[in-house]
Amino acid sequence: QEQLVESGGGLVQPGGSLTLSCAASGFAVNNSIIKWGRQAPGKGFEWVSMISHVSAWYANSVKGRFTISMDNAKNSVYLQMNNVKPEDAAVYYCAKETLRGPGTQVTVSS
């Protein structure tokens, strides 16, 4: 059974850093396109980054601040968030096609 589980969310100060993890099971991440998206209260869902074994993509809202990476040995995908802004506060999800994890909450506050 294919599954994705996010972790690493929490409270971060504006300008701080946080790394989110997405652990996959039932399939190999290096054979897939894995996406990170977020849902903030009162806002629409936004895809922020995606990665395959050949390329990565970032939304303009996070370009230059977030870095996506893949660890084939751990079958996981990571989202390194730097210079976090208040507007980054959201529940973050990783996804493969229609499969999505339960999400991890990122709160931005001083």
Protein backbone atom coordinates (compact mmCIF):
# COMPACT_ATOMS: atom_id res chain seq x y z
CA GLN A 1 0.00 0.00 0.00
CA GLU A 2 1.39 3.38 -0.98
CA GLN A 3 1.62 5.94 1.78
CA LEU A 4 3.09 9.36 2.50
CA VAL A 5 3.67 10.77 5.97
CA GLU A 6 4.83 14.30 6.66
CA SER A 7 6.71 15.46 9.74
CA GLY A 8 8.85 18.32 10.96
CA GLY A 9 6.27 21.03 11.28
CA GLY A 10 6.11 23.30 14.28
CA LEU A 11 6.55 26.85 15.47
CA VAL A 12 9.16 28.99 13.74
CA GLN A 13 9.97 32.66 14.09
CA PRO A 14 9.87 34.96 11.08
CA GLY A 15 13.23 34.73 9.37
CA GLY A 16 13.85 31.31 10.86
CA SER A 17 14.28 27.90 9.29
CA LEU A 18 12.44 24.62 9.37
CA THR A 19 12.83 21.33 7.52
CA LEU A 20 9.81 19.25 6.60
CA SER A 21 10.12 15.55 5.85
CA CYS A 22 7.95 13.32 3.70
CA ALA A 23 8.46 9.60 4.24
CA ALA A 24 7.17 7.36 1.48
CA SER A 25 6.30 3.69 1.63
CA GLY A 26 5.00 1.26 -0.95
CA PHE A 27 6.81 2.93 -3.83
CA ALA A 28 10.20 4.48 -4.63
CA VAL A 29 10.40 8.28 -4.55
CA ASN A 30 13.16 8.30 -7.17
CA ASN A 31 10.70 6.86 -9.70
CA SER A 32 8.08 9.48 -8.92
CA ILE A 33 7.26 13.15 -8.97
CA ILE A 34 6.74 14.27 -5.39
CA LYS A 35 5.09 17.60 -4.66
CA TRP A 36 4.81 19.82 -1.61
CA GLY A 37 1.74 21.96 -1.23
CA ARG A 38 0.15 24.00 1.52
CA GLN A 39 -3.23 25.05 2.78
CA ALA A 40 -3.54 28.18 4.87
CA PRO A 41 -6.78 29.16 6.63
CA GLY A 42 -9.02 31.13 4.32
CA LYS A 43 -6.72 30.65 1.32
CA GLY A 44 -6.67 28.31 -1.62
CA PHE A 45 -4.38 25.33 -1.85
CA GLU A 46 -0.97 26.21 -3.25
CA TRP A 47 1.65 23.91 -4.72
CA VAL A 48 5.03 25.24 -3.62
CA SER A 49 7.57 22.74 -4.94
CA MET A 50 8.03 19.47 -6.75
CA ILE A 51 10.91 17.14 -7.47
CA SER A 52 11.75 14.27 -9.74
CA HIS A 53 15.04 12.47 -10.25
CA VAL A 54 15.96 15.01 -12.94
CA SER A 55 14.53 18.35 -11.88
CA ALA A 56 12.88 20.52 -9.26
CA TRP A 57 10.35 23.32 -9.45
CA TYR A 58 9.42 26.10 -7.06
CA ALA A 59 6.52 28.51 -6.88
CA ASN A 60 7.51 32.15 -7.10
CA SER A 61 6.28 32.65 -3.54
CA VAL A 62 9.03 30.38 -2.15
CA LYS A 63 11.76 30.52 -4.82
CA GLY A 64 15.10 31.36 -3.29
CA ARG A 65 13.91 30.50 0.23
CA PHE A 66 12.79 26.87 0.06
CA THR A 67 14.85 23.91 -1.15
CA ILE A 68 13.42 20.53 -2.03
CA SER A 69 15.57 17.41 -1.91
CA MET A 70 15.27 13.66 -2.20
CA ASP A 71 17.02 10.92 -0.22
CA ASN A 72 16.66 7.66 -2.09
CA ALA A 73 18.22 5.62 0.72
CA LYS A 74 15.58 6.89 3.14
CA ASN A 75 12.88 6.96 0.47
CA SER A 76 12.03 10.45 1.62
CA VAL A 77 11.64 13.97 0.27
CA TYR A 78 12.49 17.07 2.27
CA LEU A 79 11.51 20.72 2.13
CA GLN A 80 14.07 23.04 3.68
CA MET A 81 12.37 26.31 4.53
CA ASN A 82 14.64 29.32 5.11
CA ASN A 83 13.81 32.96 5.82
CA VAL A 84 10.31 31.88 6.74
CA LYS A 85 7.62 34.56 6.42
CA PRO A 86 4.28 34.88 8.23
CA GLU A 87 2.52 34.04 4.96
CA ASP A 88 4.24 30.64 4.96
CA ALA A 89 2.06 29.52 7.88
CA ALA A 90 -0.08 26.63 6.68
CA VAL A 91 -0.60 22.90 6.78
CA TYR A 92 1.97 21.40 4.45
CA TYR A 93 1.28 18.26 2.49
CA CYS A 94 3.42 16.06 0.30
CA ALA A 95 1.77 14.30 -2.58
CA LYS A 96 2.27 11.86 -5.41
CA GLU A 97 -0.42 12.14 -8.04
CA THR A 98 -3.67 11.80 -6.06
CA LEU A 99 -1.97 10.34 -2.97
CA ARG A 100 -1.50 12.84 -0.16
CA GLY A 101 -0.22 12.60 3.38
CA PRO A 102 -2.09 13.82 6.49
CA GLY A 103 -0.06 17.04 6.57
CA THR A 104 2.12 18.85 9.07
CA GLN A 105 1.34 22.25 10.58
CA VAL A 106 3.77 25.15 10.23
CA THR A 107 3.10 28.12 12.50
CA VAL A 108 5.05 31.34 12.05
CA SER A 109 5.14 33.63 15.04
CA SER A 110 7.54 35.68 17.08
